[in-house]
Amino acid sequence: LINSMSIHKSELNSVVNYVIAEFIAAYSNVTLLPTVKNILNSSLYCLLMSCNNHMLNSLNAILPQSMKHVFESIYKIYSKNYEYKGYI
């Protein structure tokens, strides 16, 4: 699914915030098995790679306060371990 989403990246840019918000809602509302959570994490990191700063700021604005904390913790892990920083 994520591979096919990357092919249509330009079409999905307008809705990627809402897709990420749905992922965050799934994290907040349900206790997930570790294997399911790992799959969702890798999918979520692929979606975060397609976001720019404006998209992340608007996503942070539309999330309720309880979901913002979940998003912040996920984004910290993403930026620490998965985000491309421009050097190897």
Protein backbone atom coordinates (compact mmCIF):
# COMPACT_ATOMS: atom_id res chain seq x y z
CA LEU A 1 0.00 0.00 0.00
CA ILE A 2 2.72 2.46 0.94
CA ASN A 3 4.68 1.68 -2.23
CA SER A 4 1.64 2.44 -4.35
CA MET A 5 1.09 5.61 -2.33
CA SER A 6 4.62 6.78 -3.10
CA ILE A 7 3.90 6.44 -6.83
CA HIS A 8 0.97 8.88 -6.48
CA LYS A 9 2.76 11.24 -4.11
CA SER A 10 1.70 14.46 -5.82
CA GLU A 11 -1.99 13.49 -5.71
CA LEU A 12 -1.82 12.46 -2.06
CA ASN A 13 -0.06 15.57 -0.75
CA SER A 14 -3.37 17.29 -0.09
CA VAL A 15 -4.70 14.47 2.13
CA VAL A 16 -1.56 13.06 3.75
CA ASN A 17 -2.20 15.12 6.91
CA TYR A 18 -5.56 13.48 7.40
CA VAL A 19 -4.17 10.00 6.74
CA ILE A 20 -1.51 10.59 9.39
CA ALA A 21 -4.22 11.90 11.75
CA GLU A 22 -6.13 8.64 11.27
CA PHE A 23 -2.98 6.67 12.10
CA ILE A 24 -2.55 8.74 15.28
CA ALA A 25 -6.21 8.15 16.18
CA ALA A 26 -5.65 4.40 15.82
CA TYR A 27 -2.68 4.64 18.18
CA SER A 28 -4.70 6.64 20.70
CA ASN A 29 -7.92 4.65 20.74
CA VAL A 30 -6.81 1.03 20.64
CA THR A 31 -4.12 -1.11 22.23
CA LEU A 32 -2.16 -2.56 19.33
CA LEU A 33 -0.14 -5.75 19.14
CA PRO A 34 3.59 -5.08 18.76
CA THR A 35 3.71 -6.62 15.27
CA VAL A 36 0.80 -4.46 14.09
CA LYS A 37 2.37 -1.41 15.70
CA ASN A 38 5.68 -2.04 13.89
CA ILE A 39 3.90 -2.27 10.54
CA LEU A 40 1.95 0.91 11.26
CA ASN A 41 5.14 2.66 12.36
CA SER A 42 6.95 1.88 9.12
CA SER A 43 3.93 3.04 7.13
CA LEU A 44 3.66 6.19 9.19
CA TYR A 45 7.35 6.97 8.72
CA CYS A 46 6.91 6.67 4.95
CA LEU A 47 4.04 9.14 5.13
CA LEU A 48 6.06 11.51 7.31
CA MET A 49 8.84 11.48 4.71
CA SER A 50 6.48 13.09 2.22
CA CYS A 51 5.55 15.94 4.59
CA ASN A 52 7.13 19.37 4.64
CA ASN A 53 7.18 21.74 7.62
CA HIS A 54 3.94 23.45 6.60
CA MET A 55 2.13 20.10 6.45
CA LEU A 56 3.47 19.09 9.86
CA ASN A 57 2.40 22.42 11.38
CA SER A 58 -1.11 22.11 9.96
CA LEU A 59 -1.30 18.52 11.19
CA ASN A 60 -0.31 19.69 14.66
CA ALA A 61 -3.06 22.32 14.46
CA ILE A 62 -5.85 19.88 13.55
CA LEU A 63 -5.01 17.23 16.15
CA PRO A 64 -6.78 17.28 19.52
CA GLN A 65 -4.54 17.85 22.54
CA SER A 66 -4.50 14.19 23.58
CA MET A 67 -3.41 13.09 20.11
CA LYS A 68 -0.74 15.81 19.90
CA HIS A 69 1.27 14.08 22.62
CA VAL A 70 1.13 10.78 20.73
CA PHE A 71 2.17 12.53 17.51
CA GLU A 72 5.05 14.34 19.23
CA SER A 73 6.46 11.11 20.62
CA ILE A 74 6.17 9.36 17.24
CA TYR A 75 7.73 12.33 15.45
CA LYS A 76 10.65 12.44 17.90
CA ILE A 77 11.42 8.79 17.17
CA TYR A 78 11.07 9.43 13.43
CA SER A 79 13.35 12.48 13.43
CA LYS A 80 15.94 10.76 15.63
CA ASN A 81 16.14 7.44 13.78
CA TYR A 82 14.56 7.68 10.34
CA GLU A 83 14.60 11.24 8.99
CA TYR A 84 17.24 11.95 6.35
CA LYS A 85 19.57 14.63 7.69
CA GLY A 86 21.75 15.08 4.61
CA TYR A 87 24.80 13.18 5.79
CA ILE A 88 25.80 9.59 6.33
